[in-house]
C-alpha atoms as a PDB file:
ATOM      1  CA  MET A   1     -29.780   6.849 -28.332  1.00  0.00           C
ATOM      2  CA  ARG A   2     -28.266   8.758 -25.461  1.00  0.00           C
ATOM      3  CA  ILE A   3     -26.516   6.563 -22.878  1.00  0.00           C
ATOM      4  CA  LEU A   4     -25.681   7.560 -19.316  1.00  0.00           C
ATOM      5  CA  VAL A   5     -22.206   6.303 -18.404  1.00  0.00           C
ATOM      6  CA  LEU A   6     -21.256   5.973 -14.744  1.00  0.00           C
ATOM      7  CA  GLY A   7     -17.574   5.505 -13.974  1.00  0.00           C
ATOM      8  CA  ALA A   8     -16.646   7.197 -17.248  1.00  0.00           C
ATOM      9  CA  THR A   9     -13.209   8.372 -16.063  1.00  0.00           C
ATOM     10  CA  GLY A  10     -11.924   4.864 -15.310  1.00  0.00           C
ATOM     11  CA  LEU A  11     -10.088   2.672 -17.800  1.00  0.00           C
ATOM     12  CA  THR A  12     -13.113   0.559 -18.705  1.00  0.00           C
ATOM     13  CA  GLY A  13     -15.495   3.505 -18.479  1.00  0.00           C
ATOM     14  CA  THR A  14     -13.365   5.417 -20.970  1.00  0.00           C
ATOM     15  CA  GLU A  15     -13.693   2.513 -23.390  1.00  0.00           C
ATOM     16  CA  VAL A  16     -17.460   2.480 -22.845  1.00  0.00           C
ATOM     17  CA  VAL A  17     -17.618   6.132 -23.883  1.00  0.00           C
ATOM     18  CA  ARG A  18     -15.468   5.458 -26.942  1.00  0.00           C
ATOM     19  CA  ARG A  19     -17.485   2.434 -28.044  1.00  0.00           C
ATOM     20  CA  ALA A  20     -20.784   4.272 -27.512  1.00  0.00           C
ATOM     21  CA  LEU A  21     -19.609   7.114 -29.735  1.00  0.00           C
ATOM     22  CA  ALA A  22     -18.327   4.664 -32.340  1.00  0.00           C
ATOM     23  CA  ALA A  23     -21.771   3.046 -32.404  1.00  0.00           C
ATOM     24  CA  GLY A  24     -23.392   6.408 -33.094  1.00  0.00           C
ATOM     25  CA  HIS A  25     -24.791   7.048 -29.624  1.00  0.00           C
ATOM     26  CA  GLU A  26     -24.645  10.241 -27.592  1.00  0.00           C
ATOM     27  CA  VAL A  27     -23.243  10.055 -24.070  1.00  0.00           C
ATOM     28  CA  THR A  28     -23.881  11.736 -20.760  1.00  0.00           C
ATOM     29  CA  ALA A  29     -20.998  11.024 -18.367  1.00  0.00           C
ATOM     30  CA  LEU A  30     -21.620  11.585 -14.661  1.00  0.00           C
ATOM     31  CA  VAL A  31     -18.251  12.197 -12.993  1.00  0.00           C
ATOM     32  CA  ARG A  32     -16.815  13.655  -9.828  1.00  0.00           C
ATOM     33  CA  ASP A  33     -13.943  15.427 -11.589  1.00  0.00           C
ATOM     34  CA  PRO A  34     -14.482  16.579 -15.202  1.00  0.00           C
ATOM     35  CA  ALA A  35     -10.732  17.129 -15.594  1.00  0.00           C
ATOM     36  CA  ARG A  36     -10.268  13.345 -15.524  1.00  0.00           C
ATOM     37  CA  MET A  37     -12.381  12.768 -18.643  1.00  0.00           C
ATOM     38  CA  ARG A  38     -10.158  11.222 -21.314  1.00  0.00           C
ATOM     39  CA  VAL A  39     -12.662  11.542 -24.158  1.00  0.00           C
ATOM     40  CA  ARG A  40     -13.586  15.008 -25.433  1.00  0.00           C
ATOM     41  CA  ASP A  41     -16.300  15.020 -28.068  1.00  0.00           C
ATOM     42  CA  PRO A  42     -19.302  17.210 -28.949  1.00  0.00           C
ATOM     43  CA  ALA A  43     -21.515  14.140 -28.467  1.00  0.00           C
ATOM     44  CA  VAL A  44     -20.392  13.786 -24.829  1.00  0.00           C
ATOM     45  CA  THR A  45     -22.140  15.805 -22.130  1.00  0.00           C
ATOM     46  CA  VAL A  46     -20.271  15.874 -18.826  1.00  0.00           C
ATOM     47  CA  ALA A  47     -22.366  16.133 -15.664  1.00  0.00           C
ATOM     48  CA  VAL A  48     -20.849  16.519 -12.208  1.00  0.00           C
ATOM     49  CA  GLY A  49     -22.034  14.557  -9.194  1.00  0.00           C
ATOM     50  CA  GLU A  50     -21.241  11.857  -6.658  1.00  0.00           C
ATOM     51  CA  VAL A  51     -23.025   8.649  -7.579  1.00  0.00           C
ATOM     52  CA  THR A  52     -22.603   7.142  -4.115  1.00  0.00           C
ATOM     53  CA  ARG A  53     -24.734   9.778  -2.421  1.00  0.00           C
ATOM     54  CA  ASP A  54     -26.281  12.302  -4.834  1.00  0.00           C
ATOM     55  CA  ARG A  55     -29.535  10.815  -6.109  1.00  0.00           C
ATOM     56  CA  ALA A  56     -30.666  14.127  -7.585  1.00  0.00           C
ATOM     57  CA  ALA A  57     -27.477  14.408  -9.653  1.00  0.00           C
ATOM     58  CA  VAL A  58     -27.878  10.878 -11.014  1.00  0.00           C
ATOM     59  CA  THR A  59     -31.510  11.541 -11.911  1.00  0.00           C
ATOM     60  CA  ALA A  60     -30.668  14.831 -13.622  1.00  0.00           C
ATOM     61  CA  ALA A  61     -27.874  13.223 -15.631  1.00  0.00           C
ATOM     62  CA  ALA A  62     -30.149  10.356 -16.684  1.00  0.00           C
ATOM     63  CA  GLU A  63     -32.852  12.642 -18.083  1.00  0.00           C
ATOM     64  CA  GLY A  64     -33.305  11.979 -21.795  1.00  0.00           C
ATOM     65  CA  CYS A  65     -31.217   8.789 -21.762  1.00  0.00           C
ATOM     66  CA  GLY A  66     -32.485   5.522 -23.170  1.00  0.00           C
ATOM     67  CA  ALA A  67     -30.217   3.354 -21.027  1.00  0.00           C
ATOM     68  CA  ALA A  68     -27.415   3.503 -18.478  1.00  0.00           C
ATOM     69  CA  VAL A  69     -24.081   1.699 -18.353  1.00  0.00           C
ATOM     70  CA  SER A  70     -22.115   1.465 -15.124  1.00  0.00           C
ATOM     71  CA  ALA A  71     -18.368   0.871 -15.209  1.00  0.00           C
ATOM     72  CA  LEU A  72     -17.898   1.940 -11.615  1.00  0.00           C
ATOM     73  CA  GLY A  73     -14.868   0.526  -9.826  1.00  0.00           C
ATOM     74  CA  SER A  74     -13.505   0.490  -6.315  1.00  0.00           C
ATOM     75  CA  GLY A  75     -10.419   2.519  -7.158  1.00  0.00           C
ATOM     76  CA  HIS A  76      -6.860   1.983  -6.006  1.00  0.00           C
ATOM     77  CA  SER A  77      -6.604   4.009  -2.821  1.00  0.00           C
ATOM     78  CA  LEU A  78      -5.664   2.235   0.423  1.00  0.00           C
ATOM     79  CA  ARG A  79      -9.151   2.829   1.813  1.00  0.00           C
ATOM     80  CA  SER A  80     -10.871   1.440  -1.287  1.00  0.00           C
ATOM     81  CA  VAL A  81      -8.781  -1.742  -1.056  1.00  0.00           C
ATOM     82  CA  LEU A  82      -9.079  -2.286   2.699  1.00  0.00           C
ATOM     83  CA  ALA A  83     -12.684  -1.147   3.102  1.00  0.00           C
ATOM     84  CA  PRO A  84     -14.377  -0.873  -0.300  1.00  0.00           C
ATOM     85  CA  THR A  85     -17.900   0.540  -0.187  1.00  0.00           C
ATOM     86  CA  VAL A  86     -18.438   2.020  -3.655  1.00  0.00           C
ATOM     87  CA  MET A  87     -20.903  -0.598  -4.901  1.00  0.00           C
ATOM     88  CA  SER A  88     -22.846  -1.002  -1.683  1.00  0.00           C
ATOM     89  CA  GLU A  89     -23.245   2.783  -1.514  1.00  0.00           C
ATOM     90  CA  ALA A  90     -23.779   3.550  -5.210  1.00  0.00           C
ATOM     91  CA  VAL A  91     -26.239   0.857  -6.267  1.00  0.00           C
ATOM     92  CA  PRO A  92     -29.029   1.880  -3.841  1.00  0.00           C
ATOM     93  CA  VAL A  93     -28.743   5.413  -5.230  1.00  0.00           C
ATOM     94  CA  ILE A  94     -28.734   4.241  -8.855  1.00  0.00           C
ATOM     95  CA  VAL A  95     -31.747   1.931  -8.604  1.00  0.00           C
ATOM     96  CA  ARG A  96     -33.841   4.787  -7.211  1.00  0.00           C
ATOM     97  CA  ALA A  97     -32.502   7.596  -9.379  1.00  0.00           C
ATOM     98  CA  LEU A  98     -32.832   5.960 -12.812  1.00  0.00           C
ATOM     99  CA  PRO A  99     -36.586   5.292 -12.566  1.00  0.00           C
ATOM    100  CA  ASP A 100     -37.048   8.893 -11.422  1.00  0.00           C
ATOM    101  CA  ALA A 101     -35.668   9.908 -14.839  1.00  0.00           C
ATOM    102  CA  GLY A 102     -37.694   7.316 -16.726  1.00  0.00           C
ATOM    103  CA  VAL A 103     -34.673   5.083 -17.409  1.00  0.00           C
ATOM    104  CA  GLY A 104     -35.365   1.384 -16.948  1.00  0.00           C
ATOM    105  CA  ARG A 105     -32.343  -0.266 -18.618  1.00  0.00           C
ATOM    106  CA  LEU A 106     -29.007  -0.674 -16.807  1.00  0.00           C
ATOM    107  CA  VAL A 107     -25.944  -2.655 -17.881  1.00  0.00           C
ATOM    108  CA  PHE A 108     -23.674  -3.058 -14.879  1.00  0.00           C
ATOM    109  CA  LEU A 109     -20.022  -4.114 -14.849  1.00  0.00           C
ATOM    110  CA  SER A 110     -19.167  -6.719 -12.233  1.00  0.00           C
ATOM    111  CA  SER A 111     -16.415  -9.366 -12.215  1.00  0.00           C
ATOM    112  CA  LEU A 112     -16.207 -13.089 -12.836  1.00  0.00           C
ATOM    113  CA  GLY A 113     -16.212 -14.632  -9.374  1.00  0.00           C
ATOM    114  CA  VAL A 114     -18.746 -12.278  -7.810  1.00  0.00           C
ATOM    115  CA  GLY A 115     -22.100 -13.632  -6.656  1.00  0.00           C
ATOM    116  CA  GLU A 116     -23.679 -16.222  -8.955  1.00  0.00           C
ATOM    117  CA  SER A 117     -20.699 -16.180 -11.319  1.00  0.00           C
ATOM    118  CA  TRP A 118     -18.508 -17.857  -8.672  1.00  0.00           C
ATOM    119  CA  ALA A 119     -20.032 -21.197  -9.727  1.00  0.00           C
ATOM    120  CA  VAL A 120     -18.600 -20.898 -13.260  1.00  0.00           C
ATOM    121  CA  THR A 121     -15.244 -19.359 -12.286  1.00  0.00           C
ATOM    122  CA  PRO A 122     -12.238 -21.537 -13.230  1.00  0.00           C
ATOM    123  CA  PRO A 123     -10.301 -22.938 -10.240  1.00  0.00           C
ATOM    124  CA  SER A 124      -7.180 -21.117 -11.456  1.00  0.00           C
ATOM    125  CA  LEU A 125      -8.901 -17.743 -11.069  1.00  0.00           C
ATOM    126  CA  LYS A 126     -10.431 -18.677  -7.721  1.00  0.00           C
ATOM    127  CA  ALA A 127      -6.920 -19.341  -6.431  1.00  0.00           C
ATOM    128  CA  LEU A 128      -5.735 -15.955  -7.670  1.00  0.00           C
ATOM    129  CA  TYR A 129      -8.707 -14.076  -6.281  1.00  0.00           C
ATOM    130  CA  LYS A 130      -8.519 -15.197  -2.658  1.00  0.00           C
ATOM    131  CA  PRO A 131      -7.828 -13.499  -0.366  1.00  0.00           C
ATOM    132  CA  SER A 132      -6.588 -10.373  -2.154  1.00  0.00           C
ATOM    133  CA  LEU A 133      -9.943  -9.425  -3.676  1.00  0.00           C
ATOM    134  CA  SER A 134     -12.273 -10.816  -1.012  1.00  0.00           C
ATOM    135  CA  ARG A 135     -13.303  -7.396   0.329  1.00  0.00           C
ATOM    136  CA  VAL A 136     -13.755  -5.893  -3.133  1.00  0.00           C
ATOM    137  CA  PHE A 137     -15.842  -8.869  -4.241  1.00  0.00           C
ATOM    138  CA  ALA A 138     -17.955  -8.697  -1.082  1.00  0.00           C
ATOM    139  CA  ASP A 139     -18.726  -5.057  -1.837  1.00  0.00           C
ATOM    140  CA  LYS A 140     -19.628  -5.923  -5.435  1.00  0.00           C
ATOM    141  CA  ALA A 141     -21.869  -8.758  -4.244  1.00  0.00           C
ATOM    142  CA  ALA A 142     -23.666  -6.422  -1.856  1.00  0.00           C
ATOM    143  CA  GLY A 143     -24.390  -4.044  -4.722  1.00  0.00           C
ATOM    144  CA  GLU A 144     -25.562  -6.898  -6.923  1.00  0.00           C
ATOM    145  CA  ARG A 145     -28.105  -8.018  -4.334  1.00  0.00           C
ATOM    146  CA  VAL A 146     -29.644  -4.547  -4.335  1.00  0.00           C
ATOM    147  CA  LEU A 147     -29.682  -4.452  -8.133  1.00  0.00           C
ATOM    148  CA  ARG A 148     -31.366  -7.861  -8.408  1.00  0.00           C
ATOM    149  CA  ALA A 149     -34.120  -6.750  -6.034  1.00  0.00           C
ATOM    150  CA  SER A 150     -34.801  -3.576  -8.017  1.00  0.00           C
ATOM    151  CA  THR A 151     -37.408  -2.954 -10.705  1.00  0.00           C
ATOM    152  CA  LEU A 152     -34.758  -2.136 -13.320  1.00  0.00           C
ATOM    153  CA  ASP A 153     -34.185  -4.157 -16.463  1.00  0.00           C
ATOM    154  CA  TRP A 154     -30.591  -4.958 -15.503  1.00  0.00           C
ATOM    155  CA  THR A 155     -27.792  -7.023 -17.004  1.00  0.00           C
ATOM    156  CA  LEU A 156     -24.726  -7.880 -14.932  1.00  0.00           C
ATOM    157  CA  VAL A 157     -21.585  -8.299 -17.042  1.00  0.00           C
ATOM    158  CA  CYS A 158     -18.848 -10.464 -15.507  1.00  0.00           C
ATOM    159  CA  PRO A 159     -15.493 -10.451 -17.294  1.00  0.00           C
ATOM    160  CA  PRO A 160     -12.404 -12.359 -16.099  1.00  0.00           C
ATOM    161  CA  MET A 161      -9.009 -10.652 -15.972  1.00  0.00           C
ATOM    162  CA  LEU A 162      -9.006  -7.402 -17.954  1.00  0.00           C
ATOM    163  CA  SER A 163      -6.311  -6.202 -20.325  1.00  0.00           C
ATOM    164  CA  ASN A 164      -5.728  -2.846 -21.968  1.00  0.00           C
ATOM    165  CA  GLY A 165      -5.495  -4.427 -25.399  1.00  0.00           C
ATOM    166  CA  PRO A 166      -7.370  -3.236 -28.495  1.00  0.00           C
ATOM    167  CA  LEU A 167     -10.874  -4.071 -29.625  1.00  0.00           C
ATOM    168  CA  THR A 168     -10.748  -7.530 -31.229  1.00  0.00           C
ATOM    169  CA  GLY A 169     -14.414  -8.308 -31.831  1.00  0.00           C
ATOM    170  CA  ARG A 170     -13.739 -11.817 -30.520  1.00  0.00           C
ATOM    171  CA  CYS A 171     -15.966 -11.635 -27.454  1.00  0.00           C
ATOM    172  CA  THR A 172     -17.969 -14.655 -26.390  1.00  0.00           C
ATOM    173  CA  ALA A 173     -20.790 -14.263 -23.883  1.00  0.00           C
ATOM    174  CA  GLY A 174     -23.318 -16.417 -22.107  1.00  0.00           C
ATOM    175  CA  THR A 175     -25.323 -16.846 -18.933  1.00  0.00           C
ATOM    176  CA  ASP A 176     -23.676 -20.240 -18.280  1.00  0.00           C
ATOM    177  CA  LEU A 177     -20.335 -19.762 -20.023  1.00  0.00           C
ATOM    178  CA  ARG A 178     -17.699 -22.206 -18.770  1.00  0.00           C
ATOM    179  CA  LEU A 179     -14.119 -20.965 -18.995  1.00  0.00           C
ATOM    180  CA  ARG A 180     -10.799 -22.702 -18.461  1.00  0.00           C
ATOM    181  CA  GLY A 181      -7.313 -21.680 -17.470  1.00  0.00           C
ATOM    182  CA  VAL A 182      -6.734 -17.983 -16.842  1.00  0.00           C
ATOM    183  CA  PRO A 183      -9.115 -16.291 -19.286  1.00  0.00           C
ATOM    184  CA  ARG A 184      -8.712 -12.654 -20.254  1.00  0.00           C
ATOM    185  CA  ILE A 185     -10.549 -10.040 -22.262  1.00  0.00           C
ATOM    186  CA  SER A 186      -9.703  -6.498 -23.281  1.00  0.00           C
ATOM    187  CA  ARG A 187     -11.546  -3.583 -21.711  1.00  0.00           C
ATOM    188  CA  ALA A 188     -12.438  -2.449 -25.232  1.00  0.00           C
ATOM    189  CA  ASP A 189     -14.190  -5.746 -25.976  1.00  0.00           C
ATOM    190  CA  VAL A 190     -16.058  -5.631 -22.652  1.00  0.00           C
ATOM    191  CA  ALA A 191     -17.121  -2.054 -23.354  1.00  0.00           C
ATOM    192  CA  ASP A 192     -18.277  -2.978 -26.846  1.00  0.00           C
ATOM    193  CA  PHE A 193     -20.434  -5.775 -25.443  1.00  0.00           C
ATOM    194  CA  MET A 194     -21.910  -3.517 -22.774  1.00  0.00           C
ATOM    195  CA  VAL A 195     -22.859  -0.785 -25.222  1.00  0.00           C
ATOM    196  CA  THR A 196     -24.456  -3.321 -27.562  1.00  0.00           C
ATOM    197  CA  GLU A 197     -26.304  -4.886 -24.652  1.00  0.00           C
ATOM    198  CA  ALA A 198     -27.555  -1.504 -23.455  1.00  0.00           C
ATOM    199  CA  ALA A 199     -29.187  -0.877 -26.815  1.00  0.00           C
ATOM    200  CA  ALA A 200     -30.349  -4.407 -27.675  1.00  0.00           C
ATOM    201  CA  GLY A 201     -31.353  -5.752 -24.262  1.00  0.00           C
ATOM    202  CA  ALA A 202     -30.567  -9.337 -25.264  1.00  0.00           C
ATOM    203  CA  HIS A 203     -30.028 -10.528 -21.672  1.00  0.00           C
ATOM    204  CA  PRO A 204     -32.698  -8.920 -19.473  1.00  0.00           C
ATOM    205  CA  ARG A 205     -32.292  -9.418 -15.717  1.00  0.00           C
ATOM    206  CA  SER A 206     -29.424 -11.851 -16.288  1.00  0.00           C
ATOM    207  CA  THR A 207     -25.802 -12.348 -15.294  1.00  0.00           C
ATOM    208  CA  VAL A 208     -23.605 -12.691 -18.382  1.00  0.00           C
ATOM    209  CA  VAL A 209     -20.020 -13.945 -18.402  1.00  0.00           C
ATOM    210  CA  VAL A 210     -17.859 -12.501 -21.172  1.00  0.00           C
ATOM    211  CA  ALA A 211     -14.396 -13.546 -22.366  1.00  0.00           C
ATOM    212  CA  SER A 212     -12.226 -13.564 -25.466  1.00  0.00           C
ATOM    213  CA  ARG A 213     -12.747 -16.441 -27.894  1.00  0.00           C
END
């Protein structure tokens, strides 16, 4: 299967591309700057476009794909921290562009603590999140509301704190997963789950919490 990867130049997006290739999939990566692609492989097609405003570019990149995986993030610039708008701008474009290309399946990276997942977030993480991530989480929640109202077969993936550790294969996931302490999971394990979910569709139109066992 060919998978469209959005946010492919980020740390988690790079792992999504790697895990997709390892699983035998082909990848189309829609990026703003091709020079930032960390993975170079004949099975990776790089398309150029701005997902927050270029619906035609997203549709063109999605042509021939069986599913899409979004690992979009807010970035680390001062503007993206103080006034993040990536999700609230990108999701309306995505939910219109994918059906135009005949793609109905989207696995979307969120965060534990956003939207419905706040109810199952450990108190320790809630204390860490506020107020430093309140604006970022509000932007993510705005995007999630648009996604939930769409016709797509979506899955929201909500990991806790992310590490840059290796793939462990010890990922646990559930729609009502209750975590304790300060849970973590590697980006590689999150990416592996997302790629598997994109192909299998085990959690249609659901919010899934993932963490390391």
